[in-house]
């Protein structure tokens, strides 16, 4: 059974959440980018985007792509706030794995009331970020702007991993296996767009990271 919250199905809310996470500075997102991260057929994606546009949640332009309206941003931030606060609870209090907390939060985010989320937030001493490093929207559903950079756009040098900006089970598993978790210090040795990889030094070992993963791992440069 598909749950419907505030007139939107879970799948429609997942679209809003995906656009929110993928967009930087409210830029338009191409439908093809959504196809890479959402488990739906291209025809389904087009239909859902058109429906979300008709309800005022997104601005959809055929050749430019899609971006959230103010209404859409508020709704997406509400979902992500519930998701990320619940992840902190599962990680800190139940000591669950960074992959498992994402799976469970995806189930709970559509059902948790604002009242419960706010109480969890207070109970956890108002955390700023989820265990994957992503900012938690405030009670006013504001999300602070971040100054980190996707690994795929970074230059050679020393960095610290700040967050995994787009979480799926597969992405989290790969990031964990590579040791690419928030707080990890890494050195970028070589960016090789021809072969779609980034070569890193992680704990003295050479690691080859696919660009598809490097695009969703964010970093900040640090002193050598």
C-alpha atoms as a PDB file:
ATOM      1  CA  UNK A   1       0.000   0.000   0.000  1.00  0.00           C
ATOM      2  CA  UNK A   2       1.288   3.474  -0.895  1.00  0.00           C
ATOM      3  CA  UNK A   3       0.993   6.022   1.896  1.00  0.00           C
ATOM      4  CA  UNK A   4      -0.310   9.457   0.992  1.00  0.00           C
ATOM      5  CA  UNK A   5       0.748  12.371   3.208  1.00  0.00           C
ATOM      6  CA  UNK A   6      -0.520  15.902   2.635  1.00  0.00           C
ATOM      7  CA  UNK A   7      -1.895  14.847  -0.747  1.00  0.00           C
ATOM      8  CA  UNK A   8       1.442  13.376  -1.910  1.00  0.00           C
ATOM      9  CA  UNK A   9       2.423   9.727  -2.185  1.00  0.00           C
ATOM     10  CA  UNK A  10       5.691   8.454  -0.725  1.00  0.00           C
ATOM     11  CA  UNK A  11       7.145   8.188  -4.234  1.00  0.00           C
ATOM     12  CA  UNK A  12       6.223  11.820  -4.985  1.00  0.00           C
ATOM     13  CA  UNK A  13       7.850  12.903  -1.717  1.00  0.00           C
ATOM     14  CA  UNK A  14      10.941  10.940  -2.700  1.00  0.00           C
ATOM     15  CA  UNK A  15      11.143  13.034  -5.874  1.00  0.00           C
ATOM     16  CA  UNK A  16      11.040  16.267  -3.858  1.00  0.00           C
ATOM     17  CA  UNK A  17      13.684  14.916  -1.512  1.00  0.00           C
ATOM     18  CA  UNK A  18      15.929  13.882  -4.420  1.00  0.00           C
ATOM     19  CA  UNK A  19      15.657  17.267  -6.149  1.00  0.00           C
ATOM     20  CA  UNK A  20      16.371  19.045  -2.860  1.00  0.00           C
ATOM     21  CA  UNK A  21      19.508  16.986  -2.234  1.00  0.00           C
ATOM     22  CA  UNK A  22      20.826  17.194  -5.800  1.00  0.00           C
ATOM     23  CA  UNK A  23      20.246  20.892  -6.393  1.00  0.00           C
ATOM     24  CA  UNK A  24      22.948  23.420  -5.511  1.00  0.00           C
ATOM     25  CA  UNK A  25      21.702  27.014  -5.179  1.00  0.00           C
ATOM     26  CA  UNK A  26      18.271  25.960  -6.475  1.00  0.00           C
ATOM     27  CA  UNK A  27      19.600  25.184  -9.940  1.00  0.00           C
ATOM     28  CA  UNK A  28      17.539  23.226 -12.466  1.00  0.00           C
ATOM     29  CA  UNK A  29      18.089  19.454 -12.364  1.00  0.00           C
ATOM     30  CA  UNK A  30      17.892  17.472 -15.579  1.00  0.00           C
ATOM     31  CA  UNK A  31      15.435  14.539 -15.474  1.00  0.00           C
ATOM     32  CA  UNK A  32      18.310  12.271 -16.555  1.00  0.00           C
ATOM     33  CA  UNK A  33      20.078  13.039 -13.258  1.00  0.00           C
ATOM     34  CA  UNK A  34      16.960  11.918 -11.385  1.00  0.00           C
ATOM     35  CA  UNK A  35      16.832   8.755 -13.506  1.00  0.00           C
ATOM     36  CA  UNK A  36      20.308   7.868 -12.218  1.00  0.00           C
ATOM     37  CA  UNK A  37      19.218   7.942  -8.567  1.00  0.00           C
ATOM     38  CA  UNK A  38      15.507   7.092  -8.524  1.00  0.00           C
ATOM     39  CA  UNK A  39      14.274   3.534  -9.178  1.00  0.00           C
ATOM     40  CA  UNK A  40      11.564   4.540 -11.644  1.00  0.00           C
ATOM     41  CA  UNK A  41      11.154   4.351 -15.425  1.00  0.00           C
ATOM     42  CA  UNK A  42      11.807   7.549 -17.392  1.00  0.00           C
ATOM     43  CA  UNK A  43       8.154   7.766 -18.437  1.00  0.00           C
ATOM     44  CA  UNK A  44       7.081   7.550 -14.786  1.00  0.00           C
ATOM     45  CA  UNK A  45       9.540  10.261 -13.782  1.00  0.00           C
ATOM     46  CA  UNK A  46       8.135  12.615 -16.425  1.00  0.00           C
ATOM     47  CA  UNK A  47       4.557  11.987 -15.291  1.00  0.00           C
ATOM     48  CA  UNK A  48       5.351  12.537 -11.608  1.00  0.00           C
ATOM     49  CA  UNK A  49       7.281  15.735 -12.336  1.00  0.00           C
ATOM     50  CA  UNK A  50       4.333  17.067 -14.338  1.00  0.00           C
ATOM     51  CA  UNK A  51       1.971  16.245 -11.465  1.00  0.00           C
ATOM     52  CA  UNK A  52       4.252  17.904  -8.919  1.00  0.00           C
ATOM     53  CA  UNK A  53       4.384  20.968 -11.168  1.00  0.00           C
ATOM     54  CA  UNK A  54       0.591  21.092 -11.411  1.00  0.00           C
ATOM     55  CA  UNK A  55       0.382  21.004  -7.596  1.00  0.00           C
ATOM     56  CA  UNK A  56       2.888  23.842  -7.273  1.00  0.00           C
ATOM     57  CA  UNK A  57       5.758  21.846  -5.745  1.00  0.00           C
ATOM     58  CA  UNK A  58       8.195  22.141  -8.656  1.00  0.00           C
ATOM     59  CA  UNK A  59       8.919  24.307 -11.647  1.00  0.00           C
ATOM     60  CA  UNK A  60       9.304  21.994 -14.629  1.00  0.00           C
ATOM     61  CA  UNK A  61      10.691  23.152 -17.962  1.00  0.00           C
ATOM     62  CA  UNK A  62      11.025  20.677 -20.774  1.00  0.00           C
ATOM     63  CA  UNK A  63      14.591  21.448 -21.847  1.00  0.00           C
ATOM     64  CA  UNK A  64      16.021  23.006 -18.671  1.00  0.00           C
ATOM     65  CA  UNK A  65      14.818  20.454 -16.136  1.00  0.00           C
ATOM     66  CA  UNK A  66      13.165  20.818 -12.754  1.00  0.00           C
ATOM     67  CA  UNK A  67      13.661  22.774  -9.549  1.00  0.00           C
ATOM     68  CA  UNK A  68      11.672  23.172  -6.355  1.00  0.00           C
ATOM     69  CA  UNK A  69       9.297  26.029  -5.730  1.00  0.00           C
ATOM     70  CA  UNK A  70       9.216  27.559  -2.256  1.00  0.00           C
ATOM     71  CA  UNK A  71       6.337  25.213  -1.439  1.00  0.00           C
ATOM     72  CA  UNK A  72       8.384  22.256  -2.664  1.00  0.00           C
ATOM     73  CA  UNK A  73      11.494  23.293  -0.702  1.00  0.00           C
ATOM     74  CA  UNK A  74       9.500  23.544   2.527  1.00  0.00           C
ATOM     75  CA  UNK A  75       7.924  20.129   2.012  1.00  0.00           C
ATOM     76  CA  UNK A  76      11.254  18.489   1.102  1.00  0.00           C
ATOM     77  CA  UNK A  77      13.006  20.105   4.081  1.00  0.00           C
ATOM     78  CA  UNK A  78      10.306  18.746   6.388  1.00  0.00           C
ATOM     79  CA  UNK A  79      10.866  15.202   5.122  1.00  0.00           C
ATOM     80  CA  UNK A  80      14.655  15.489   5.334  1.00  0.00           C
ATOM     81  CA  UNK A  81      14.458  16.951   8.835  1.00  0.00           C
ATOM     82  CA  UNK A  82      12.508  13.893   9.988  1.00  0.00           C
ATOM     83  CA  UNK A  83      14.871  11.564   8.121  1.00  0.00           C
ATOM     84  CA  UNK A  84      18.082  13.055   9.491  1.00  0.00           C
ATOM     85  CA  UNK A  85      16.922  13.535  13.079  1.00  0.00           C
ATOM     86  CA  UNK A  86      15.774   9.914  13.155  1.00  0.00           C
ATOM     87  CA  UNK A  87      19.151   8.813  11.743  1.00  0.00           C
ATOM     88  CA  UNK A  88      20.937  10.588  14.588  1.00  0.00           C
ATOM     89  CA  UNK A  89      18.704   8.799  17.116  1.00  0.00           C
ATOM     90  CA  UNK A  90      19.363   5.383  15.553  1.00  0.00           C
ATOM     91  CA  UNK A  91      23.105   6.024  15.284  1.00  0.00           C
ATOM     92  CA  UNK A  92      23.734   7.615  18.683  1.00  0.00           C
ATOM     93  CA  UNK A  93      21.231   5.824  20.887  1.00  0.00           C
ATOM     94  CA  UNK A  94      20.759   2.443  19.204  1.00  0.00           C
ATOM     95  CA  UNK A  95      24.331   2.250  17.824  1.00  0.00           C
ATOM     96  CA  UNK A  96      23.166   1.173  14.375  1.00  0.00           C
ATOM     97  CA  UNK A  97      25.343   1.099  11.264  1.00  0.00           C
ATOM     98  CA  UNK A  98      25.469   4.113   8.897  1.00  0.00           C
ATOM     99  CA  UNK A  99      23.845   2.025   6.158  1.00  0.00           C
ATOM    100  CA  UNK A 100      21.053   0.589   8.320  1.00  0.00           C
ATOM    101  CA  UNK A 101      20.088   3.976   9.745  1.00  0.00           C
ATOM    102  CA  UNK A 102      19.400   5.274   6.233  1.00  0.00           C
ATOM    103  CA  UNK A 103      17.167   2.311   5.408  1.00  0.00           C
ATOM    104  CA  UNK A 104      15.129   2.680   8.596  1.00  0.00           C
ATOM    105  CA  UNK A 105      14.884   6.479   8.288  1.00  0.00           C
ATOM    106  CA  UNK A 106      13.492   6.110   4.755  1.00  0.00           C
ATOM    107  CA  UNK A 107      10.649   4.052   6.232  1.00  0.00           C
ATOM    108  CA  UNK A 108       9.958   6.435   9.112  1.00  0.00           C
ATOM    109  CA  UNK A 109      10.352   9.855   7.475  1.00  0.00           C
ATOM    110  CA  UNK A 110       6.902   9.895   5.891  1.00  0.00           C
ATOM    111  CA  UNK A 111       5.115   8.828   9.073  1.00  0.00           C
ATOM    112  CA  UNK A 112       6.811  10.785  11.867  1.00  0.00           C
ATOM    113  CA  UNK A 113       4.788  13.794  12.986  1.00  0.00           C
ATOM    114  CA  UNK A 114       6.399  17.215  13.351  1.00  0.00           C
ATOM    115  CA  UNK A 115       5.732  16.994  17.099  1.00  0.00           C
ATOM    116  CA  UNK A 116       7.650  13.724  17.431  1.00  0.00           C
ATOM    117  CA  UNK A 117      10.519  14.987  15.262  1.00  0.00           C
ATOM    118  CA  UNK A 118      10.805  18.166  17.345  1.00  0.00           C
ATOM    119  CA  UNK A 119      10.848  16.159  20.585  1.00  0.00           C
ATOM    120  CA  UNK A 120      13.539  13.824  19.218  1.00  0.00           C
ATOM    121  CA  UNK A 121      15.517  16.859  18.099  1.00  0.00           C
ATOM    122  CA  UNK A 122      15.411  18.313  21.622  1.00  0.00           C
ATOM    123  CA  UNK A 123      16.196  14.926  23.193  1.00  0.00           C
ATOM    124  CA  UNK A 124      19.310  14.659  21.006  1.00  0.00           C
ATOM    125  CA  UNK A 125      20.505  18.172  22.005  1.00  0.00           C
ATOM    126  CA  UNK A 126      19.627  19.786  18.675  1.00  0.00           C
ATOM    127  CA  UNK A 127      22.098  18.057  16.344  1.00  0.00           C
ATOM    128  CA  UNK A 128      23.373  20.080  13.382  1.00  0.00           C
ATOM    129  CA  UNK A 129      24.184  17.179  11.052  1.00  0.00           C
ATOM    130  CA  UNK A 130      23.175  13.594  10.421  1.00  0.00           C
ATOM    131  CA  UNK A 131      25.763  10.788  10.719  1.00  0.00           C
ATOM    132  CA  UNK A 132      26.405  11.076   6.966  1.00  0.00           C
ATOM    133  CA  UNK A 133      27.430  14.701   7.505  1.00  0.00           C
ATOM    134  CA  UNK A 134      24.399  16.378   5.929  1.00  0.00           C
ATOM    135  CA  UNK A 135      22.849  19.440   7.613  1.00  0.00           C
ATOM    136  CA  UNK A 136      19.591  18.984   9.494  1.00  0.00           C
ATOM    137  CA  UNK A 137      16.959  21.600   8.597  1.00  0.00           C
ATOM    138  CA  UNK A 138      16.049  23.771  11.577  1.00  0.00           C
ATOM    139  CA  UNK A 139      12.630  24.017  13.251  1.00  0.00           C
ATOM    140  CA  UNK A 140      11.915  26.766  10.695  1.00  0.00           C
ATOM    141  CA  UNK A 141      12.929  24.350   7.920  1.00  0.00           C
ATOM    142  CA  UNK A 142      15.956  26.432   6.990  1.00  0.00           C
ATOM    143  CA  UNK A 143      19.086  24.614   5.814  1.00  0.00           C
ATOM    144  CA  UNK A 144      22.452  26.351   6.191  1.00  0.00           C
ATOM    145  CA  UNK A 145      24.474  26.884   3.037  1.00  0.00           C
ATOM    146  CA  UNK A 146      27.620  24.810   2.933  1.00  0.00           C
ATOM    147  CA  UNK A 147      31.025  25.674   1.535  1.00  0.00           C
ATOM    148  CA  UNK A 148      32.245  22.186   0.782  1.00  0.00           C
ATOM    149  CA  UNK A 149      32.970  20.815  -2.687  1.00  0.00           C
ATOM    150  CA  UNK A 150      32.108  17.546  -4.436  1.00  0.00           C
ATOM    151  CA  UNK A 151      35.208  15.372  -4.602  1.00  0.00           C
ATOM    152  CA  UNK A 152      34.757  15.146  -8.379  1.00  0.00           C
ATOM    153  CA  UNK A 153      35.310  18.931  -8.666  1.00  0.00           C
ATOM    154  CA  UNK A 154      38.230  19.223  -6.243  1.00  0.00           C
ATOM    155  CA  UNK A 155      41.871  19.795  -7.169  1.00  0.00           C
ATOM    156  CA  UNK A 156      44.924  17.858  -5.987  1.00  0.00           C
ATOM    157  CA  UNK A 157      45.782  18.218  -2.316  1.00  0.00           C
ATOM    158  CA  UNK A 158      44.732  17.298   1.223  1.00  0.00           C
ATOM    159  CA  UNK A 159      41.062  17.266   2.182  1.00  0.00           C
ATOM    160  CA  UNK A 160      38.699  16.123   4.887  1.00  0.00           C
ATOM    161  CA  UNK A 161      35.444  14.395   3.972  1.00  0.00           C
ATOM    162  CA  UNK A 162      32.499  16.484   5.183  1.00  0.00           C
ATOM    163  CA  UNK A 163      29.487  14.521   3.997  1.00  0.00           C
ATOM    164  CA  UNK A 164      27.923  11.984   1.682  1.00  0.00           C
ATOM    165  CA  UNK A 165      25.522  14.357  -0.028  1.00  0.00           C
ATOM    166  CA  UNK A 166      23.294  11.757  -1.687  1.00  0.00           C
ATOM    167  CA  UNK A 167      22.678   8.569   0.261  1.00  0.00           C
ATOM    168  CA  UNK A 168      21.498   5.273  -1.139  1.00  0.00           C
ATOM    169  CA  UNK A 169      22.323   1.830   0.235  1.00  0.00           C
ATOM    170  CA  UNK A 170      24.762   1.191  -2.629  1.00  0.00           C
ATOM    171  CA  UNK A 171      26.472   4.583  -2.316  1.00  0.00           C
ATOM    172  CA  UNK A 172      26.815   4.238   1.453  1.00  0.00           C
ATOM    173  CA  UNK A 173      28.201   0.724   1.151  1.00  0.00           C
ATOM    174  CA  UNK A 174      30.827   1.809  -1.381  1.00  0.00           C
ATOM    175  CA  UNK A 175      31.739   4.912   0.648  1.00  0.00           C
ATOM    176  CA  UNK A 176      32.099   2.831   3.812  1.00  0.00           C
ATOM    177  CA  UNK A 177      34.237   0.201   2.086  1.00  0.00           C
ATOM    178  CA  UNK A 178      36.489   2.945   0.696  1.00  0.00           C
ATOM    179  CA  UNK A 179      36.760   4.546   4.119  1.00  0.00           C
ATOM    180  CA  UNK A 180      35.162   7.719   2.753  1.00  0.00           C
ATOM    181  CA  UNK A 181      33.138   8.729   5.808  1.00  0.00           C
ATOM    182  CA  UNK A 182      32.759  12.196   7.379  1.00  0.00           C
ATOM    183  CA  UNK A 183      35.919  13.263   9.193  1.00  0.00           C
ATOM    184  CA  UNK A 184      38.266  11.105   7.116  1.00  0.00           C
ATOM    185  CA  UNK A 185      41.421  12.835   5.843  1.00  0.00           C
ATOM    186  CA  UNK A 186      42.326  12.038   2.247  1.00  0.00           C
ATOM    187  CA  UNK A 187      44.773  13.191  -0.404  1.00  0.00           C
ATOM    188  CA  UNK A 188      43.668  13.640  -4.003  1.00  0.00           C
ATOM    189  CA  UNK A 189      46.474  12.291  -6.185  1.00  0.00           C
ATOM    190  CA  UNK A 190      44.915  12.392  -9.646  1.00  0.00           C
ATOM    191  CA  UNK A 191      41.584  13.174 -11.270  1.00  0.00           C
ATOM    192  CA  UNK A 192      41.079  11.058 -14.376  1.00  0.00           C
ATOM    193  CA  UNK A 193      37.848  12.105 -16.147  1.00  0.00           C
ATOM    194  CA  UNK A 194      38.839  10.033 -19.190  1.00  0.00           C
ATOM    195  CA  UNK A 195      38.437   6.855 -17.154  1.00  0.00           C
ATOM    196  CA  UNK A 196      35.767   8.322 -14.819  1.00  0.00           C
ATOM    197  CA  UNK A 197      37.799   7.862 -11.642  1.00  0.00           C
ATOM    198  CA  UNK A 198      39.604   9.826  -8.924  1.00  0.00           C
ATOM    199  CA  UNK A 199      42.798   8.394  -7.439  1.00  0.00           C
ATOM    200  CA  UNK A 200      43.168   9.014  -3.701  1.00  0.00           C
ATOM    201  CA  UNK A 201      45.517   8.254  -0.845  1.00  0.00           C
ATOM    202  CA  UNK A 202      43.470   7.057   2.133  1.00  0.00           C
ATOM    203  CA  UNK A 203      45.435   6.009   5.219  1.00  0.00           C
ATOM    204  CA  UNK A 204      48.530   5.475   3.086  1.00  0.00           C
ATOM    205  CA  UNK A 205      46.740   3.267   0.571  1.00  0.00           C
ATOM    206  CA  UNK A 206      45.819   4.120  -3.007  1.00  0.00           C
ATOM    207  CA  UNK A 207      42.063   4.069  -3.641  1.00  0.00           C
ATOM    208  CA  UNK A 208      40.282   4.400  -6.962  1.00  0.00           C
ATOM    209  CA  UNK A 209      36.918   6.121  -6.611  1.00  0.00           C
ATOM    210  CA  UNK A 210      34.403   6.131  -9.483  1.00  0.00           C
ATOM    211  CA  UNK A 211      33.284   9.631 -10.498  1.00  0.00           C
ATOM    212  CA  UNK A 212      29.691   8.607  -9.823  1.00  0.00           C
ATOM    213  CA  UNK A 213      30.663   8.263  -6.140  1.00  0.00           C
ATOM    214  CA  UNK A 214      33.050  11.230  -6.161  1.00  0.00           C
ATOM    215  CA  UNK A 215      30.151  13.475  -7.214  1.00  0.00           C
ATOM    216  CA  UNK A 216      28.255  12.774  -3.983  1.00  0.00           C
ATOM    217  CA  UNK A 217      31.151  12.797  -1.511  1.00  0.00           C
ATOM    218  CA  UNK A 218      31.859  16.345  -0.409  1.00  0.00           C
ATOM    219  CA  UNK A 219      35.159  17.596   0.955  1.00  0.00           C
ATOM    220  CA  UNK A 220      36.905  20.683   2.347  1.00  0.00           C
ATOM    221  CA  UNK A 221      40.570  21.439   1.629  1.00  0.00           C
ATOM    222  CA  UNK A 222      42.926  21.470   4.612  1.00  0.00           C
ATOM    223  CA  UNK A 223      46.556  22.388   5.208  1.00  0.00           C
ATOM    224  CA  UNK A 224      49.193  19.857   4.214  1.00  0.00           C
END
